[in-house]
Amino acid sequence: VVEDFECFTWGEEWAAVQFSPGADPRMKPERSAVRSGSQACRLDVPPGETLTLVAQQGTGFVGHGDKPPLPLPGVPERVGLWVGGEQSGHHLWLRLADATGKTADVALGGVDFLGWKYLDGPVPALAPPVALRGLVVRGGDGVLLVDDLTVETSSDEPLHLAVRPDASEGD
C-alpha cells in the first residue's frame, strides 16, 4: 500500500487540477465508511463530469507550481485501489509517469457494484522509476470512496526463503 489516505489532507497530498467547466467536485476525508484504518477519501463528483486528482509528494512546489508525483516502489507490475461504490457508473484510471516523462493511464474499470471492491490493472512498459501522477474519474453519479492505493512490484533480486518443518506434537 503506497497511499492509505489515513493522513489525507485536501490540497496537500492530493489536489483537483482539471474538471469539466461548471463542475464543483469535492474531495474530503471519509471517516464513517472506510475500507481499512480510520479514514478513506470521499469524492463527490457531479453527474457526468470528469475529475482529475493529482498525487503530490512533499510540500515544496517545483517548476511552475507543480509538486512532484508520488514515487512507486520497485518495478510496478499492477496498480490498483479499493473503491467503495454505489453502482454509480463512474470509470477510473490511474495516471502513471516514468523516468523519461512518458505517461500512461491504467484502466481500473467501472463502478457497477455496491460496497467495497478492489480494482486494478497491469502497468504498461515504462522506464523506472515510475510515479503516480493522479486518479482520473469520468462519468457516473453519486458518492465514490477510495482507499488503500496498492502496487504489486517485481525485483531483479531473487527471493530466498528458509523453510523449517513445524515441530508437531506426536510426530
C-alpha atoms as a PDB file:
ATOM      1  CA  VAL A   1       0.000   0.000   0.000  1.00  0.00           C
ATOM      2  CA  VAL A   2       1.559   3.296  -1.105  1.00  0.00           C
ATOM      3  CA  GLU A   3      -1.341   5.567  -0.087  1.00  0.00           C
ATOM      4  CA  ASP A   4      -3.815   4.661   2.633  1.00  0.00           C
ATOM      5  CA  PHE A   5      -5.466   8.102   2.959  1.00  0.00           C
ATOM      6  CA  GLU A   6      -5.024   7.938   6.745  1.00  0.00           C
ATOM      7  CA  CYS A   7      -3.263  11.317   6.797  1.00  0.00           C
ATOM      8  CA  PHE A   8      -5.052  12.697   3.762  1.00  0.00           C
ATOM      9  CA  THR A   9      -5.485  16.460   3.780  1.00  0.00           C
ATOM     10  CA  TRP A  10      -7.171  18.174   0.872  1.00  0.00           C
ATOM     11  CA  GLY A  11      -4.746  20.350  -1.087  1.00  0.00           C
ATOM     12  CA  GLU A  12      -1.594  18.894   0.444  1.00  0.00           C
ATOM     13  CA  GLU A  13      -1.198  15.249  -0.639  1.00  0.00           C
ATOM     14  CA  TRP A  14      -3.886  15.398  -3.352  1.00  0.00           C
ATOM     15  CA  ALA A  15      -5.499  18.205  -5.332  1.00  0.00           C
ATOM     16  CA  ALA A  16      -8.057  18.582  -8.129  1.00  0.00           C
ATOM     17  CA  VAL A  17      -6.373  20.033 -11.190  1.00  0.00           C
ATOM     18  CA  GLN A  18      -8.818  19.521 -14.012  1.00  0.00           C
ATOM     19  CA  PHE A  19     -12.532  19.106 -14.281  1.00  0.00           C
ATOM     20  CA  SER A  20     -15.273  19.985 -16.746  1.00  0.00           C
ATOM     21  CA  PRO A  21     -16.421  23.620 -16.878  1.00  0.00           C
ATOM     22  CA  GLY A  22     -19.041  24.390 -14.282  1.00  0.00           C
ATOM     23  CA  ALA A  23     -18.330  21.273 -12.244  1.00  0.00           C
ATOM     24  CA  ASP A  24     -17.991  21.544  -8.488  1.00  0.00           C
ATOM     25  CA  PRO A  25     -16.108  18.414  -7.430  1.00  0.00           C
ATOM     26  CA  ARG A  26     -15.433  17.894  -3.774  1.00  0.00           C
ATOM     27  CA  MET A  27     -12.807  15.700  -2.181  1.00  0.00           C
ATOM     28  CA  LYS A  28     -12.620  15.176   1.550  1.00  0.00           C
ATOM     29  CA  PRO A  29     -11.663  12.678   4.233  1.00  0.00           C
ATOM     30  CA  GLU A  30     -14.268   9.983   4.935  1.00  0.00           C
ATOM     31  CA  ARG A  31     -14.312   8.549   8.443  1.00  0.00           C
ATOM     32  CA  SER A  32     -17.620   6.667   8.719  1.00  0.00           C
ATOM     33  CA  ALA A  33     -17.417   4.256   5.742  1.00  0.00           C
ATOM     34  CA  VAL A  34     -13.806   3.114   5.336  1.00  0.00           C
ATOM     35  CA  ARG A  35     -12.192   0.021   3.849  1.00  0.00           C
ATOM     36  CA  SER A  36      -9.358  -0.149   6.387  1.00  0.00           C
ATOM     37  CA  GLY A  37      -7.901   2.056   9.065  1.00  0.00           C
ATOM     38  CA  SER A  38      -9.792   5.091  10.256  1.00  0.00           C
ATOM     39  CA  GLN A  39     -10.034   7.203   7.098  1.00  0.00           C
ATOM     40  CA  ALA A  40     -10.656   6.921   3.353  1.00  0.00           C
ATOM     41  CA  CYS A  41     -11.109   9.542   0.626  1.00  0.00           C
ATOM     42  CA  ARG A  42     -14.596  10.659  -0.426  1.00  0.00           C
ATOM     43  CA  LEU A  43     -15.246  12.083  -3.886  1.00  0.00           C
ATOM     44  CA  ASP A  44     -18.450  13.935  -4.674  1.00  0.00           C
ATOM     45  CA  VAL A  45     -18.275  14.125  -8.466  1.00  0.00           C
ATOM     46  CA  PRO A  46     -21.113  15.982 -10.234  1.00  0.00           C
ATOM     47  CA  PRO A  47     -23.146  13.791 -12.623  1.00  0.00           C
ATOM     48  CA  GLY A  48     -21.400  13.094 -15.920  1.00  0.00           C
ATOM     49  CA  GLU A  49     -18.306  15.165 -15.093  1.00  0.00           C
ATOM     50  CA  THR A  50     -14.611  14.278 -15.291  1.00  0.00           C
ATOM     51  CA  LEU A  51     -12.348  14.825 -12.308  1.00  0.00           C
ATOM     52  CA  THR A  52      -8.569  14.514 -12.360  1.00  0.00           C
ATOM     53  CA  LEU A  53      -6.835  14.382  -8.990  1.00  0.00           C
ATOM     54  CA  VAL A  54      -3.069  14.598  -8.746  1.00  0.00           C
ATOM     55  CA  ALA A  55      -0.929  12.938  -6.123  1.00  0.00           C
ATOM     56  CA  GLN A  56       1.566  15.408  -4.703  1.00  0.00           C
ATOM     57  CA  GLN A  57       4.705  14.283  -2.921  1.00  0.00           C
ATOM     58  CA  GLY A  58       6.148  16.641  -0.358  1.00  0.00           C
ATOM     59  CA  THR A  59       5.175  20.170   0.498  1.00  0.00           C
ATOM     60  CA  GLY A  60       7.574  22.192  -1.648  1.00  0.00           C
ATOM     61  CA  PHE A  61       6.395  23.372  -5.050  1.00  0.00           C
ATOM     62  CA  VAL A  62       8.698  22.854  -8.010  1.00  0.00           C
ATOM     63  CA  GLY A  63       8.672  24.187 -11.569  1.00  0.00           C
ATOM     64  CA  HIS A  64       5.501  26.069 -12.428  1.00  0.00           C
ATOM     65  CA  GLY A  65       3.629  25.270  -9.220  1.00  0.00           C
ATOM     66  CA  ASP A  66       3.631  21.512  -9.701  1.00  0.00           C
ATOM     67  CA  LYS A  67       4.573  19.180  -6.884  1.00  0.00           C
ATOM     68  CA  PRO A  68       6.440  16.007  -7.816  1.00  0.00           C
ATOM     69  CA  PRO A  69       4.301  12.870  -8.254  1.00  0.00           C
ATOM     70  CA  LEU A  70       4.129  10.021  -5.741  1.00  0.00           C
ATOM     71  CA  PRO A  71       7.023   7.589  -6.423  1.00  0.00           C
ATOM     72  CA  LEU A  72       6.091   3.911  -6.689  1.00  0.00           C
ATOM     73  CA  PRO A  73       8.395   1.222  -5.280  1.00  0.00           C
ATOM     74  CA  GLY A  74      10.353  -1.310  -7.348  1.00  0.00           C
ATOM     75  CA  VAL A  75       9.243  -2.159 -10.862  1.00  0.00           C
ATOM     76  CA  PRO A  76       5.449  -1.883 -10.728  1.00  0.00           C
ATOM     77  CA  GLU A  77       3.550  -4.694 -12.449  1.00  0.00           C
ATOM     78  CA  ARG A  78      -0.002  -3.844 -11.320  1.00  0.00           C
ATOM     79  CA  VAL A  79      -1.605  -0.866  -9.601  1.00  0.00           C
ATOM     80  CA  GLY A  80      -4.997  -0.605  -8.009  1.00  0.00           C
ATOM     81  CA  LEU A  81      -7.107   0.737  -5.204  1.00  0.00           C
ATOM     82  CA  TRP A  82     -10.120  -0.187  -3.120  1.00  0.00           C
ATOM     83  CA  VAL A  83     -13.277   1.553  -4.274  1.00  0.00           C
ATOM     84  CA  GLY A  84     -16.468   1.950  -2.280  1.00  0.00           C
ATOM     85  CA  GLY A  85     -19.266   2.055  -4.818  1.00  0.00           C
ATOM     86  CA  GLU A  86     -22.991   2.513  -5.051  1.00  0.00           C
ATOM     87  CA  GLN A  87     -23.410   1.321  -8.656  1.00  0.00           C
ATOM     88  CA  SER A  88     -22.652   4.909  -9.625  1.00  0.00           C
ATOM     89  CA  GLY A  89     -21.310   4.243 -13.126  1.00  0.00           C
ATOM     90  CA  HIS A  90     -18.025   6.088 -12.548  1.00  0.00           C
ATOM     91  CA  HIS A  91     -14.990   4.847 -14.519  1.00  0.00           C
ATOM     92  CA  LEU A  92     -11.498   5.082 -13.002  1.00  0.00           C
ATOM     93  CA  TRP A  93      -7.927   5.271 -14.277  1.00  0.00           C
ATOM     94  CA  LEU A  94      -4.593   5.717 -12.509  1.00  0.00           C
ATOM     95  CA  ARG A  95      -2.214   8.000 -14.422  1.00  0.00           C
ATOM     96  CA  LEU A  96       1.462   6.980 -14.209  1.00  0.00           C
ATOM     97  CA  ALA A  97       4.658   8.668 -15.389  1.00  0.00           C
ATOM     98  CA  ASP A  98       8.095   7.202 -15.975  1.00  0.00           C
ATOM     99  CA  ALA A  99      11.681   8.482 -15.767  1.00  0.00           C
ATOM    100  CA  THR A 100      11.517   9.902 -19.327  1.00  0.00           C
ATOM    101  CA  GLY A 101       8.298  11.831 -18.672  1.00  0.00           C
ATOM    102  CA  LYS A 102       6.129   9.394 -20.640  1.00  0.00           C
ATOM    103  CA  THR A 103       2.648   8.996 -19.122  1.00  0.00           C
ATOM    104  CA  ALA A 104       0.200   6.103 -19.293  1.00  0.00           C
ATOM    105  CA  ASP A 105      -3.297   5.603 -17.931  1.00  0.00           C
ATOM    106  CA  VAL A 106      -4.090   2.258 -16.295  1.00  0.00           C
ATOM    107  CA  ALA A 107      -7.798   1.446 -16.673  1.00  0.00           C
ATOM    108  CA  LEU A 108      -9.320   0.160 -13.435  1.00  0.00           C
ATOM    109  CA  GLY A 109     -12.866  -0.288 -14.693  1.00  0.00           C
ATOM    110  CA  GLY A 110     -16.339   0.888 -13.848  1.00  0.00           C
ATOM    111  CA  VAL A 111     -18.210   1.137 -10.577  1.00  0.00           C
ATOM    112  CA  ASP A 112     -21.133  -1.225 -11.184  1.00  0.00           C
ATOM    113  CA  PHE A 113     -21.153  -2.715  -7.677  1.00  0.00           C
ATOM    114  CA  LEU A 114     -22.271  -1.991  -4.122  1.00  0.00           C
ATOM    115  CA  GLY A 115     -19.776  -1.860  -1.252  1.00  0.00           C
ATOM    116  CA  TRP A 116     -16.006  -2.155  -1.418  1.00  0.00           C
ATOM    117  CA  LYS A 117     -14.173  -3.799  -4.321  1.00  0.00           C
ATOM    118  CA  TYR A 118     -10.515  -3.884  -5.330  1.00  0.00           C
ATOM    119  CA  LEU A 119      -9.977  -2.534  -8.857  1.00  0.00           C
ATOM    120  CA  ASP A 120      -6.572  -2.921 -10.507  1.00  0.00           C
ATOM    121  CA  GLY A 121      -4.831  -3.125 -13.851  1.00  0.00           C
ATOM    122  CA  PRO A 122      -1.479  -4.011 -15.424  1.00  0.00           C
ATOM    123  CA  VAL A 123       1.235  -1.368 -15.665  1.00  0.00           C
ATOM    124  CA  PRO A 124       2.400  -0.872 -19.265  1.00  0.00           C
ATOM    125  CA  ALA A 125       6.103  -0.851 -20.170  1.00  0.00           C
ATOM    126  CA  LEU A 126       7.500   2.269 -18.513  1.00  0.00           C
ATOM    127  CA  ALA A 127      11.094   3.239 -17.718  1.00  0.00           C
ATOM    128  CA  PRO A 128      11.698   3.082 -13.947  1.00  0.00           C
ATOM    129  CA  PRO A 129      11.381   4.808 -11.642  1.00  0.00           C
ATOM    130  CA  VAL A 130       7.613   5.012 -12.119  1.00  0.00           C
ATOM    131  CA  ALA A 131       5.445   7.503 -10.239  1.00  0.00           C
ATOM    132  CA  LEU A 132       1.734   8.072  -9.724  1.00  0.00           C
ATOM    133  CA  ARG A 133       0.593  11.324 -11.357  1.00  0.00           C
ATOM    134  CA  GLY A 134      -3.075  11.030 -10.464  1.00  0.00           C
ATOM    135  CA  LEU A 135      -6.503   9.450 -10.403  1.00  0.00           C
ATOM    136  CA  VAL A 136      -8.979  10.138 -13.216  1.00  0.00           C
ATOM    137  CA  VAL A 137     -12.716   9.687 -12.602  1.00  0.00           C
ATOM    138  CA  ARG A 138     -15.153  10.012 -15.508  1.00  0.00           C
ATOM    139  CA  GLY A 139     -18.911   9.861 -15.715  1.00  0.00           C
ATOM    140  CA  GLY A 140     -21.200   8.440 -13.105  1.00  0.00           C
ATOM    141  CA  ASP A 141     -23.413   9.946 -10.481  1.00  0.00           C
ATOM    142  CA  GLY A 142     -23.093   9.835  -6.722  1.00  0.00           C
ATOM    143  CA  VAL A 143     -20.514   9.403  -3.991  1.00  0.00           C
ATOM    144  CA  LEU A 144     -17.316   7.484  -4.635  1.00  0.00           C
ATOM    145  CA  LEU A 145     -14.958   6.299  -1.879  1.00  0.00           C
ATOM    146  CA  VAL A 146     -11.325   5.274  -2.437  1.00  0.00           C
ATOM    147  CA  ASP A 147      -8.821   3.698  -0.056  1.00  0.00           C
ATOM    148  CA  ASP A 148      -5.536   1.769   0.013  1.00  0.00           C
ATOM    149  CA  LEU A 149      -3.776   2.540  -3.269  1.00  0.00           C
ATOM    150  CA  THR A 150      -1.666  -0.575  -3.841  1.00  0.00           C
ATOM    151  CA  VAL A 151       1.269  -1.503  -6.092  1.00  0.00           C
ATOM    152  CA  GLU A 152       2.433  -5.013  -6.992  1.00  0.00           C
ATOM    153  CA  THR A 153       6.122  -4.928  -7.844  1.00  0.00           C
ATOM    154  CA  SER A 154       8.849  -7.174  -9.134  1.00  0.00           C
ATOM    155  CA  SER A 155      12.531  -7.141  -8.406  1.00  0.00           C
ATOM    156  CA  ASP A 156      15.663  -8.356 -10.160  1.00  0.00           C
ATOM    157  CA  GLU A 157      16.780  -9.754  -6.816  1.00  0.00           C
ATOM    158  CA  PRO A 158      15.717 -13.356  -6.133  1.00  0.00           C
ATOM    159  CA  LEU A 159      13.719 -14.105  -3.024  1.00  0.00           C
ATOM    160  CA  HIS A 160      15.239 -16.805  -0.826  1.00  0.00           C
ATOM    161  CA  LEU A 161      13.235 -18.499   1.891  1.00  0.00           C
ATOM    162  CA  ALA A 162      14.479 -20.785   4.644  1.00  0.00           C
ATOM    163  CA  VAL A 163      11.829 -23.420   5.278  1.00  0.00           C
ATOM    164  CA  ARG A 164      11.758 -25.416   8.511  1.00  0.00           C
ATOM    165  CA  PRO A 165       9.287 -28.155   9.268  1.00  0.00           C
ATOM    166  CA  ASP A 166       6.845 -27.413  12.054  1.00  0.00           C
ATOM    167  CA  ALA A 167       7.606 -29.483  15.178  1.00  0.00           C
ATOM    168  CA  SER A 168       4.194 -31.049  15.675  1.00  0.00           C
ATOM    169  CA  GLU A 169       3.435 -32.892  18.875  1.00  0.00           C
ATOM    170  CA  GLY A 170       3.464 -36.653  18.479  1.00  0.00           C
ATOM    171  CA  ASP A 171       5.044 -36.681  15.005  1.00  0.00           C
END
